[in-house]
Amino acid sequence: MKKLTVQIVIHLAAWLCFLMLPFIFYPRPAQMDVSFFTERYFTNFFIVNNLFIIAFYYCNTYLFIPRLFDNKKFIVYTIIILGLMIFYGLMPRIYHTLFGSIQPNAAPPPNRPPGPPRNRPILSAGNILFFLLVFVFSTGVKVINQWLRSEQRTKEIANEKLKAELSFLKAQINPHFLFNTLNNIYALASAQSEQTAPAIMKLSSIMRYVLTEARNDLVPLEKEIQFTSHYIELQKMRLTDKTIIDFTVLGDPMGRQIAPLLLLPFVENAFKYGISTRERSPITILLEIKRDSLYFSVCNQKHPNTMLRVSDNTGIGISNTKRRLDLFYEDRYALDIDDKTHDFSVKLKIPV
């Protein structure tokens, strides 16, 4: 509320200064009284003329630029601006034709010779100049604000990505994960299992992906899918036959890109709260690529031993992921989280 009040005061002060420009630069008598202001400035034409230019400023800032210029509708935007400029230039002549003199009570200048009144120009140079000043100022302010927001958003994206990398490293390079994974790999090696080498390669691939690929703003979608698949395969090594995992990938991911480490938090959450050693624990993970969109869903059951568990900081967290989605995709994504008593599901749609 305080910020809004400050903005209103700034706008009022700016318009007051702007509307005083004619008084500052136009000729005025040495002895001024109240009649000078009422006859020159506080007329119906003065009010209408300036209400139009004020309305144009806010329409250009909050309507024309966001909906036309930013959407690359340059021809329509140019036609509208030129049309309004011509109309504003014609306004004194239109007003004079419809309502008579612009300054009905103003006395003629003392140096003007007697004779018929001069013909008014078709376009008012003063109005055209004022229009161009408002147009340049409103467009400049909007462009600068957008640039500043873009710079701030870029910094926030970089910070959130760094947090995601560090948080994931904390999650995965910790004794719990490494001990479990290495113990499972050791058990495979002791039994001379053929799965030993693939398990080591998957663990190595996960670490390499986080340390190298995930540092980029965008990564190939196929690498993100491979990373998620390796994570699932390593998690399977510690699970019993009570957990049934259905991981399905539909569509062709080649040539598409995605922000890194976006899918893992939802998969990690399913393994964290959706498995049980005593009850059947189905986990369904679907990843489908359609045209320029990625549809991703994770569904799992919640068990009594996990519903009472207090959430810890073992992953980047769904809340942080929402923040990253806001930064990377703004209003171009759809996220639906359905947290029921015994079931939990996530559905995500993002452009790729």
Protein backbone atom coordinates (compact mmCIF):
# COMPACT_ATOMS: atom_id res chain seq x y z
CA MET A 1 0.00 0.00 0.00
CA LYS A 2 2.82 2.37 0.86
CA LYS A 3 4.58 1.60 -2.43
CA LEU A 4 1.37 2.31 -4.38
CA THR A 5 0.93 5.62 -2.59
CA VAL A 6 4.49 6.65 -3.44
CA GLN A 7 3.95 5.74 -7.10
CA ILE A 8 0.74 7.79 -7.25
CA VAL A 9 2.49 10.82 -5.73
CA ILE A 10 5.39 10.47 -8.19
CA HIS A 11 3.01 10.27 -11.15
CA LEU A 12 1.03 13.32 -9.98
CA ALA A 13 4.22 15.33 -9.48
CA ALA A 14 5.56 14.30 -12.88
CA TRP A 15 2.35 15.29 -14.66
CA LEU A 16 2.23 18.60 -12.82
CA CYS A 17 5.75 19.42 -13.97
CA PHE A 18 4.99 18.29 -17.52
CA LEU A 19 1.77 20.30 -17.82
CA MET A 20 3.60 23.41 -16.60
CA LEU A 21 5.95 23.33 -19.61
CA PRO A 22 3.75 25.67 -21.70
CA PHE A 23 3.64 28.16 -18.85
CA ILE A 24 7.45 28.03 -18.59
CA PHE A 25 8.31 28.33 -22.28
CA TYR A 26 5.42 30.28 -23.82
CA PRO A 27 5.36 34.13 -23.71
CA ARG A 28 3.59 35.62 -20.73
CA PRO A 29 2.94 39.20 -19.59
CA ALA A 30 5.17 40.93 -17.11
CA GLN A 31 2.25 41.50 -14.75
CA MET A 32 0.29 38.26 -14.29
CA ASP A 33 -2.97 37.93 -12.45
CA VAL A 34 -5.56 35.21 -11.96
CA SER A 35 -7.26 36.00 -15.26
CA PHE A 36 -4.08 35.07 -17.17
CA PHE A 37 -4.26 31.51 -15.86
CA THR A 38 -8.01 31.11 -16.24
CA GLU A 39 -8.03 32.47 -19.79
CA ARG A 40 -5.01 30.53 -21.04
CA TYR A 41 -4.79 27.32 -18.97
CA PHE A 42 -8.00 26.56 -17.12
CA THR A 43 -10.21 26.33 -20.18
CA ASN A 44 -12.29 23.46 -21.44
CA PHE A 45 -9.87 22.88 -24.29
CA PHE A 46 -6.89 22.80 -21.93
CA ILE A 47 -8.59 20.13 -19.80
CA VAL A 48 -9.67 17.98 -22.77
CA ASN A 49 -6.31 18.35 -24.50
CA ASN A 50 -4.33 17.22 -21.47
CA LEU A 51 -6.73 14.47 -20.45
CA PHE A 52 -6.18 12.97 -23.90
CA ILE A 53 -2.37 13.05 -23.62
CA ILE A 54 -2.49 11.58 -20.09
CA ALA A 55 -4.81 8.80 -21.29
CA PHE A 56 -2.45 8.12 -24.21
CA TYR A 57 0.51 7.76 -21.85
CA TYR A 58 -1.15 5.04 -19.78
CA CYS A 59 -2.67 3.29 -22.81
CA ASN A 60 0.72 3.18 -24.52
CA THR A 61 2.48 1.97 -21.35
CA TYR A 62 0.02 -0.64 -20.15
CA LEU A 63 -1.93 -1.62 -23.29
CA PHE A 64 -0.27 -0.91 -26.64
CA ILE A 65 3.31 -1.89 -25.74
CA PRO A 66 2.49 -5.13 -23.81
CA ARG A 67 -0.18 -6.38 -26.22
CA LEU A 68 1.11 -5.13 -29.56
CA PHE A 69 4.76 -4.12 -29.47
CA ASP A 70 5.92 -6.96 -27.21
CA ASN A 71 3.99 -9.46 -29.35
CA LYS A 72 5.78 -8.15 -32.49
CA LYS A 73 2.65 -6.59 -33.97
CA PHE A 74 4.72 -3.64 -35.14
CA ILE A 75 2.54 -2.59 -38.08
CA VAL A 76 -0.64 -2.39 -35.99
CA TYR A 77 1.25 -0.58 -33.22
CA THR A 78 2.70 1.96 -35.67
CA ILE A 79 -0.68 2.63 -37.31
CA ILE A 80 -2.33 3.23 -33.92
CA ILE A 81 0.42 5.60 -32.77
CA LEU A 82 0.40 7.57 -36.02
CA GLY A 83 -3.39 7.76 -35.98
CA LEU A 84 -3.46 9.08 -32.41
CA MET A 85 -0.69 11.57 -33.16
CA ILE A 86 -2.57 12.97 -36.17
CA PHE A 87 -5.80 13.13 -34.16
CA TYR A 88 -4.01 14.97 -31.32
CA GLY A 89 -2.46 17.35 -33.85
CA LEU A 90 -5.94 18.05 -35.26
CA MET A 91 -7.54 18.51 -31.85
CA PRO A 92 -7.20 22.34 -31.65
CA ARG A 93 -8.73 22.72 -35.12
CA ILE A 94 -11.52 20.24 -34.33
CA TYR A 95 -12.29 22.00 -31.06
CA HIS A 96 -12.25 25.40 -32.75
CA THR A 97 -14.64 24.16 -35.45
CA LEU A 98 -17.08 22.58 -33.01
CA PHE A 99 -16.98 24.92 -30.03
CA GLY A 100 -15.41 28.15 -31.23
CA SER A 101 -12.33 29.84 -29.80
CA ILE A 102 -10.00 27.80 -27.64
CA GLN A 103 -9.54 30.81 -25.34
CA PRO A 104 -12.92 32.55 -25.50
CA ASN A 105 -12.09 35.26 -22.97
CA ALA A 106 -8.54 35.95 -24.04
CA ALA A 107 -7.81 39.41 -25.41
CA PRO A 108 -6.05 39.63 -28.79
CA PRO A 109 -2.28 40.22 -28.63
CA PRO A 110 -1.49 43.97 -28.59
CA ASN A 111 0.90 43.80 -31.55
CA ARG A 112 -1.50 41.99 -33.93
CA PRO A 113 -2.77 44.36 -36.66
CA PRO A 114 -6.53 44.67 -37.11
CA GLY A 115 -8.13 42.46 -39.67
CA PRO A 116 -9.79 39.06 -40.08
CA PRO A 117 -8.54 36.26 -37.79
CA ARG A 118 -5.72 34.10 -39.05
CA ASN A 119 -6.52 30.62 -40.33
CA ARG A 120 -5.45 27.91 -37.94
CA PRO A 121 -2.94 25.33 -39.26
CA ILE A 122 -4.37 21.89 -39.93
CA LEU A 123 -1.99 20.26 -37.46
CA SER A 124 -0.88 21.93 -34.25
CA ALA A 125 2.92 21.86 -34.02
CA GLY A 126 2.71 22.29 -30.25
CA ASN A 127 0.38 19.31 -29.85
CA ILE A 128 2.53 17.15 -32.14
CA LEU A 129 5.60 18.05 -30.10
CA PHE A 130 3.86 17.25 -26.82
CA PHE A 131 2.59 13.96 -28.22
CA LEU A 132 6.08 12.93 -29.34
CA LEU A 133 7.52 13.87 -25.94
CA VAL A 134 4.94 11.73 -24.14
CA PHE A 135 5.39 8.88 -26.63
CA VAL A 136 9.19 8.83 -26.27
CA PHE A 137 8.99 9.13 -22.49
CA SER A 138 6.33 6.43 -21.99
CA THR A 139 8.06 4.01 -24.38
CA GLY A 140 11.45 4.70 -22.83
CA VAL A 141 10.19 4.18 -19.28
CA LYS A 142 8.48 0.92 -20.26
CA VAL A 143 11.54 -0.41 -22.10
CA ILE A 144 13.85 0.48 -19.23
CA ASN A 145 11.53 -1.15 -16.69
CA GLN A 146 11.32 -4.31 -18.81
CA TRP A 147 15.10 -4.38 -19.15
CA LEU A 148 15.57 -3.96 -15.41
CA ARG A 149 13.04 -6.73 -14.70
CA SER A 150 14.76 -8.96 -17.24
CA GLU A 151 18.13 -8.37 -15.59
CA GLN A 152 16.66 -9.06 -12.16
CA ARG A 153 14.97 -12.21 -13.45
CA THR A 154 18.25 -13.39 -15.01
CA LYS A 155 20.02 -12.95 -11.68
CA GLU A 156 17.23 -14.77 -9.84
CA ILE A 157 17.38 -17.63 -12.34
CA ALA A 158 21.13 -17.92 -11.87
CA ASN A 159 20.75 -17.87 -8.08
CA GLU A 160 17.95 -20.45 -8.08
CA LYS A 161 19.89 -22.71 -10.45
CA LEU A 162 22.92 -22.48 -8.19
CA LYS A 163 20.75 -23.30 -5.17
CA ALA A 164 19.30 -26.26 -7.05
CA GLU A 165 22.77 -27.57 -7.90
CA LEU A 166 24.04 -27.15 -4.35
CA SER A 167 20.89 -28.62 -2.82
CA PHE A 168 21.00 -31.61 -5.13
CA LEU A 169 24.66 -32.16 -4.37
CA LYS A 170 23.79 -32.10 -0.66
CA ALA A 171 21.00 -34.57 -1.33
CA GLN A 172 23.02 -37.03 -3.32
CA ILE A 173 26.57 -36.64 -2.06
CA ASN A 174 25.67 -37.52 1.47
CA PRO A 175 26.46 -40.64 3.49
CA HIS A 176 22.92 -41.98 3.31
CA PHE A 177 22.69 -42.05 -0.46
CA LEU A 178 26.29 -42.98 -1.14
CA PHE A 179 26.44 -45.70 1.53
CA ASN A 180 23.24 -47.31 0.33
CA THR A 181 24.27 -47.17 -3.30
CA LEU A 182 27.83 -48.33 -2.69
CA ASN A 183 26.65 -51.11 -0.39
CA ASN A 184 24.28 -52.31 -3.07
CA ILE A 185 27.04 -52.14 -5.66
CA TYR A 186 29.35 -54.03 -3.27
CA ALA A 187 26.71 -56.71 -2.84
CA LEU A 188 26.45 -57.00 -6.60
CA ALA A 189 30.21 -57.24 -6.93
CA SER A 190 30.46 -59.89 -4.18
CA ALA A 191 27.90 -61.97 -6.02
CA GLN A 192 29.81 -61.33 -9.24
CA SER A 193 26.64 -59.92 -10.73
CA GLU A 194 26.66 -58.60 -14.25
CA GLN A 195 24.80 -55.52 -12.94
CA THR A 196 27.85 -54.23 -11.04
CA ALA A 197 29.44 -52.29 -13.89
CA PRO A 198 26.14 -50.75 -15.10
CA ALA A 199 25.33 -49.63 -11.54
CA ILE A 200 28.71 -47.92 -11.21
CA MET A 201 28.24 -46.22 -14.56
CA LYS A 202 24.79 -44.95 -13.57
CA LEU A 203 26.12 -43.47 -10.34
CA SER A 204 28.99 -41.88 -12.26
CA SER A 205 26.56 -40.52 -14.85
CA ILE A 206 24.42 -38.88 -12.16
CA MET A 207 27.40 -37.16 -10.58
CA ARG A 208 28.77 -36.02 -13.92
CA TYR A 209 25.40 -34.62 -15.02
CA VAL A 210 25.04 -32.47 -11.91
CA LEU A 211 28.63 -31.23 -12.03
CA THR A 212 28.70 -30.41 -15.77
CA GLU A 213 25.42 -30.45 -17.71
CA ALA A 214 23.23 -28.98 -14.96
CA ARG A 215 25.31 -25.80 -14.88
CA ASN A 216 23.74 -24.70 -18.18
CA ASP A 217 20.48 -22.77 -18.39
CA LEU A 218 19.02 -25.41 -20.70
CA VAL A 219 20.02 -29.03 -21.30
CA PRO A 220 18.99 -31.54 -23.95
CA LEU A 221 15.75 -33.22 -22.93
CA GLU A 222 17.15 -36.68 -23.70
CA LYS A 223 19.93 -36.12 -21.14
CA GLU A 224 17.45 -35.02 -18.47
CA ILE A 225 15.40 -38.15 -19.16
CA GLN A 226 18.51 -40.34 -19.01
CA PHE A 227 19.52 -38.71 -15.74
CA THR A 228 16.05 -39.35 -14.26
CA SER A 229 16.12 -42.94 -15.52
CA HIS A 230 19.50 -43.61 -13.90
CA TYR A 231 18.26 -42.17 -10.63
CA ILE A 232 15.24 -44.49 -10.72
CA GLU A 233 17.40 -47.51 -11.53
CA LEU A 234 19.69 -46.81 -8.59
CA GLN A 235 16.71 -46.36 -6.26
CA LYS A 236 15.35 -49.73 -7.38
CA MET A 237 18.46 -51.44 -6.00
CA ARG A 238 17.37 -50.74 -2.42
CA LEU A 239 13.67 -51.56 -2.82
CA THR A 240 11.75 -54.72 -2.14
CA ASP A 241 9.31 -56.43 -4.45
CA LYS A 242 6.50 -54.51 -2.72
CA THR A 243 7.42 -51.45 -4.74
CA ILE A 244 6.21 -51.54 -8.33
CA ILE A 245 7.66 -48.82 -10.53
CA ASP A 246 6.15 -47.98 -13.92
CA PHE A 247 8.37 -45.49 -15.75
CA THR A 248 7.16 -44.71 -19.28
CA VAL A 249 8.58 -42.30 -21.87
CA LEU A 250 6.48 -41.50 -24.95
CA GLY A 251 7.50 -39.35 -27.89
CA ASP A 252 10.83 -38.23 -29.31
CA PRO A 253 12.94 -36.00 -27.02
CA MET A 254 15.66 -35.33 -29.62
CA GLY A 255 16.25 -31.67 -30.48
CA ARG A 256 14.34 -30.36 -27.45
CA GLN A 257 15.65 -28.60 -24.37
CA ILE A 258 14.56 -28.19 -20.75
CA ALA A 259 15.77 -26.41 -17.63
CA PRO A 260 17.96 -28.89 -15.72
CA LEU A 261 16.92 -30.76 -12.55
CA LEU A 262 13.22 -29.90 -12.90
CA LEU A 263 11.80 -33.43 -12.98
CA LEU A 264 13.87 -35.03 -10.23
CA PRO A 265 12.22 -33.37 -7.16
CA PHE A 266 8.86 -34.95 -8.02
CA VAL A 267 10.44 -38.37 -8.61
CA GLU A 268 12.49 -38.05 -5.44
CA ASN A 269 9.37 -37.13 -3.49
CA ALA A 270 7.62 -40.31 -4.70
CA PHE A 271 10.49 -42.51 -3.52
CA LYS A 272 10.72 -40.64 -0.26
CA TYR A 273 7.07 -40.91 0.77
CA GLY A 274 5.55 -43.53 -1.51
CA ILE A 275 7.35 -46.78 -0.60
CA SER A 276 6.72 -49.35 2.07
CA THR A 277 8.40 -52.64 2.99
CA ARG A 278 5.08 -54.18 4.08
CA GLU A 279 2.43 -52.83 1.72
CA ARG A 280 2.14 -52.77 -2.03
CA SER A 281 3.66 -49.49 -3.22
CA PRO A 282 2.98 -48.61 -6.86
CA ILE A 283 4.76 -45.59 -8.34
CA THR A 284 3.72 -44.45 -11.82
CA ILE A 285 5.92 -42.02 -13.73
CA LEU A 286 4.85 -40.88 -17.18
CA LEU A 287 6.81 -38.59 -19.47
CA GLU A 288 5.18 -37.73 -22.80
CA ILE A 289 6.47 -35.37 -25.50
CA LYS A 290 3.84 -33.82 -27.78
CA ARG A 291 4.90 -31.26 -30.39
CA ASP A 292 6.46 -28.43 -28.36
CA SER A 293 5.22 -29.52 -24.93
CA LEU A 294 6.28 -31.99 -22.28
CA TYR A 295 3.66 -33.72 -20.11
CA PHE A 296 5.08 -35.20 -16.92
CA SER A 297 3.18 -36.95 -14.15
CA VAL A 298 4.12 -38.84 -10.98
CA CYS A 299 1.60 -40.76 -8.86
CA ASN A 300 2.24 -42.64 -5.64
CA GLN A 301 0.44 -43.88 -2.55
CA LYS A 302 1.07 -42.52 0.92
CA HIS A 303 1.64 -45.02 3.70
CA PRO A 304 1.17 -44.54 7.45
CA ASN A 305 4.90 -44.78 8.13
CA THR A 306 5.60 -41.99 5.63
CA MET A 307 2.58 -39.74 6.25
CA LEU A 308 3.81 -39.09 9.79
CA ARG A 309 7.39 -38.50 8.76
CA VAL A 310 8.61 -34.94 9.03
CA SER A 311 9.97 -33.61 5.75
CA ASP A 312 13.70 -33.00 5.81
CA ASN A 313 15.99 -31.17 3.42
CA THR A 314 17.17 -34.14 1.40
CA GLY A 315 16.12 -32.66 -1.94
CA ILE A 316 15.67 -29.30 -3.59
CA GLY A 317 12.00 -29.49 -2.63
CA ILE A 318 8.83 -29.01 -4.57
CA SER A 319 8.46 -25.43 -3.34
CA ASN A 320 11.88 -24.52 -4.76
CA THR A 321 10.93 -26.23 -8.01
CA LYS A 322 7.80 -24.08 -8.25
CA ARG A 323 10.01 -21.04 -7.87
CA ARG A 324 12.30 -22.26 -10.65
CA LEU A 325 9.31 -22.91 -12.88
CA ASP A 326 8.11 -19.35 -12.29
CA LEU A 327 11.52 -17.98 -13.21
CA PHE A 328 12.24 -20.15 -16.24
CA TYR A 329 8.77 -20.49 -17.75
CA GLU A 330 6.72 -17.68 -16.12
CA ASP A 331 3.09 -18.20 -17.20
CA ARG A 332 3.91 -20.81 -19.87
CA TYR A 333 3.68 -23.86 -17.59
CA ALA A 334 0.89 -25.68 -15.78
CA LEU A 335 1.48 -27.50 -12.48
CA ASP A 336 -1.24 -29.47 -10.71
CA ILE A 337 -0.44 -31.06 -7.33
CA ASP A 338 -3.15 -33.29 -5.86
CA ASP A 339 -2.38 -34.19 -2.25
CA LYS A 340 -5.07 -36.57 -1.00
CA THR A 341 -5.26 -38.57 2.20
CA HIS A 342 -3.74 -41.74 0.77
CA ASP A 343 -2.51 -40.65 -2.65
CA PHE A 344 -0.23 -38.01 -4.04
CA SER A 345 0.07 -36.97 -7.68
CA VAL A 346 1.85 -34.30 -9.68
CA LYS A 347 1.06 -33.24 -13.24
CA LEU A 348 3.34 -30.83 -15.06
CA LYS A 349 3.18 -29.32 -18.55
CA ILE A 350 6.05 -27.18 -19.85
CA PRO A 351 7.23 -26.02 -23.28
CA VAL A 352 10.33 -27.79 -24.61
